[in-house]
Amino acid sequence: MALLTSGAGLRPREGQFLGGIAFDANILTEKQNSWLAILLKKHGLPPMEGVDG
């Protein structure tokens, strides 16, 4: 949620991805975990616990 509210200049696809996972009750897939870790790093935010990337 920090990335959505950080004011980061997200690309449309990045915003769509983050919005989708924010409201999906399912556990993230390995690919989703990886992309989330990449986006957090790209925008200077710390990694989430349990998310490798």
N, C-alpha and C. Protein backbone atom coordinates (compact mmCIF):
# COMPACT_ATOMS: atom_id res chain seq x y z
N MET A 1 0.82 -1.18 0.00
CA MET A 1 0.00 0.00 0.00
C MET A 1 0.87 1.25 0.00
N ALA A 2 2.06 1.15 0.58
CA ALA A 2 2.96 2.31 0.64
C ALA A 2 3.29 2.81 -0.76
N LEU A 3 3.46 1.89 -1.69
CA LEU A 3 3.81 2.28 -3.05
C LEU A 3 2.65 3.02 -3.72
N LEU A 4 1.43 2.59 -3.45
CA LEU A 4 0.27 3.26 -4.04
C LEU A 4 0.09 4.67 -3.49
N THR A 5 0.44 4.88 -2.24
CA THR A 5 0.22 6.18 -1.61
C THR A 5 1.48 7.05 -1.55
N SER A 6 2.58 6.58 -2.13
CA SER A 6 3.86 7.29 -2.03
C SER A 6 3.98 8.47 -2.98
N GLY A 7 3.10 8.55 -3.95
CA GLY A 7 3.22 9.60 -4.95
C GLY A 7 4.21 9.25 -6.05
N ALA A 8 4.65 7.99 -6.07
CA ALA A 8 5.60 7.54 -7.10
C ALA A 8 4.95 7.67 -8.47
N GLY A 9 5.75 8.03 -9.44
CA GLY A 9 5.27 8.13 -10.82
C GLY A 9 5.13 6.75 -11.44
N LEU A 10 4.00 6.13 -11.21
CA LEU A 10 3.78 4.77 -11.71
C LEU A 10 3.32 4.78 -13.15
N ARG A 11 3.75 3.81 -13.89
CA ARG A 11 3.23 3.60 -15.24
C ARG A 11 1.86 2.96 -15.11
N PRO A 12 1.00 3.11 -16.12
CA PRO A 12 -0.35 2.55 -16.02
C PRO A 12 -0.37 1.05 -15.68
N ARG A 13 0.52 0.30 -16.28
CA ARG A 13 0.55 -1.15 -16.02
C ARG A 13 0.97 -1.44 -14.58
N GLU A 14 1.90 -0.65 -14.04
CA GLU A 14 2.32 -0.82 -12.65
C GLU A 14 1.17 -0.52 -11.71
N GLY A 15 0.44 0.56 -11.97
CA GLY A 15 -0.71 0.91 -11.15
C GLY A 15 -1.80 -0.14 -11.21
N GLN A 16 -2.03 -0.68 -12.39
CA GLN A 16 -3.03 -1.73 -12.55
C GLN A 16 -2.63 -2.97 -11.76
N PHE A 17 -1.38 -3.34 -11.83
CA PHE A 17 -0.87 -4.49 -11.08
C PHE A 17 -1.06 -4.28 -9.58
N LEU A 18 -0.62 -3.12 -9.08
CA LEU A 18 -0.71 -2.85 -7.65
C LEU A 18 -2.15 -2.78 -7.17
N GLY A 19 -3.01 -2.17 -7.95
CA GLY A 19 -4.43 -2.13 -7.58
C GLY A 19 -5.03 -3.52 -7.54
N GLY A 20 -4.65 -4.35 -8.49
CA GLY A 20 -5.16 -5.71 -8.53
C GLY A 20 -4.74 -6.54 -7.33
N ILE A 21 -3.47 -6.45 -6.96
CA ILE A 21 -3.03 -7.27 -5.82
C ILE A 21 -3.51 -6.69 -4.49
N ALA A 22 -3.78 -5.38 -4.46
CA ALA A 22 -4.27 -4.77 -3.22
C ALA A 22 -5.65 -5.29 -2.84
N PHE A 23 -6.44 -5.67 -3.83
CA PHE A 23 -7.81 -6.10 -3.57
C PHE A 23 -8.06 -7.57 -3.83
N ASP A 24 -7.00 -8.34 -4.04
CA ASP A 24 -7.12 -9.77 -4.28
C ASP A 24 -6.75 -10.52 -3.00
N ALA A 25 -7.66 -11.34 -2.52
CA ALA A 25 -7.44 -12.07 -1.27
C ALA A 25 -6.50 -13.27 -1.43
N ASN A 26 -6.18 -13.63 -2.66
CA ASN A 26 -5.31 -14.78 -2.89
C ASN A 26 -3.86 -14.44 -2.57
N ILE A 27 -3.10 -15.47 -2.22
CA ILE A 27 -1.67 -15.33 -1.97
C ILE A 27 -0.99 -14.98 -3.29
N LEU A 28 0.02 -14.10 -3.22
CA LEU A 28 0.74 -13.72 -4.44
C LEU A 28 1.51 -14.90 -5.01
N THR A 29 1.55 -14.94 -6.33
CA THR A 29 2.35 -15.96 -7.00
C THR A 29 3.82 -15.56 -6.91
N GLU A 30 4.70 -16.46 -7.27
CA GLU A 30 6.14 -16.17 -7.27
C GLU A 30 6.44 -15.01 -8.21
N LYS A 31 5.79 -14.99 -9.38
CA LYS A 31 6.01 -13.92 -10.35
C LYS A 31 5.51 -12.58 -9.80
N GLN A 32 4.37 -12.57 -9.13
CA GLN A 32 3.85 -11.34 -8.54
C GLN A 32 4.78 -10.85 -7.42
N ASN A 33 5.26 -11.76 -6.58
CA ASN A 33 6.21 -11.40 -5.53
C ASN A 33 7.45 -10.75 -6.12
N SER A 34 7.94 -11.31 -7.20
CA SER A 34 9.14 -10.80 -7.85
C SER A 34 8.91 -9.39 -8.39
N TRP A 35 7.79 -9.19 -9.07
CA TRP A 35 7.52 -7.87 -9.66
C TRP A 35 7.28 -6.84 -8.56
N LEU A 36 6.61 -7.22 -7.49
CA LEU A 36 6.40 -6.31 -6.37
C LEU A 36 7.74 -5.88 -5.77
N ALA A 37 8.64 -6.81 -5.59
CA ALA A 37 9.96 -6.49 -5.04
C ALA A 37 10.71 -5.54 -5.97
N ILE A 38 10.62 -5.76 -7.26
CA ILE A 38 11.27 -4.88 -8.24
C ILE A 38 10.69 -3.47 -8.17
N LEU A 39 9.37 -3.36 -8.10
CA LEU A 39 8.73 -2.05 -8.04
C LEU A 39 9.09 -1.30 -6.76
N LEU A 40 9.11 -2.00 -5.64
CA LEU A 40 9.48 -1.36 -4.38
C LEU A 40 10.90 -0.81 -4.46
N LYS A 41 11.82 -1.62 -4.97
CA LYS A 41 13.21 -1.19 -5.09
C LYS A 41 13.34 -0.02 -6.06
N LYS A 42 12.64 -0.09 -7.18
CA LYS A 42 12.68 0.95 -8.21
C LYS A 42 12.26 2.31 -7.64
N HIS A 43 11.31 2.29 -6.73
CA HIS A 43 10.77 3.53 -6.18
C HIS A 43 11.34 3.86 -4.80
N GLY A 44 12.44 3.19 -4.43
CA GLY A 44 13.15 3.54 -3.20
C GLY A 44 12.46 3.16 -1.91
N LEU A 45 11.60 2.15 -1.97
CA LEU A 45 10.92 1.69 -0.76
C LEU A 45 11.53 0.38 -0.28
N PRO A 46 11.47 0.13 1.03
CA PRO A 46 12.05 -1.10 1.55
C PRO A 46 11.26 -2.33 1.10
N PRO A 47 11.95 -3.47 1.01
CA PRO A 47 11.24 -4.70 0.63
C PRO A 47 10.27 -5.14 1.71
N MET A 48 9.24 -5.85 1.28
CA MET A 48 8.30 -6.41 2.25
C MET A 48 8.90 -7.68 2.82
N GLU A 49 8.56 -7.96 4.08
CA GLU A 49 9.02 -9.21 4.67
C GLU A 49 8.39 -10.38 3.92
N GLY A 50 9.21 -11.37 3.60
CA GLY A 50 8.71 -12.57 2.93
C GLY A 50 8.59 -12.41 1.42
N VAL A 51 9.02 -11.26 0.86
CA VAL A 51 8.96 -11.06 -0.59
C VAL A 51 10.39 -11.00 -1.09
N ASP A 52 10.71 -11.97 -1.96
CA ASP A 52 12.06 -12.02 -2.55
C ASP A 52 12.02 -11.40 -3.93
N GLY A 53 13.14 -10.84 -4.34
CA GLY A 53 13.17 -10.30 -5.69
C GLY A 53 14.51 -9.88 -6.15
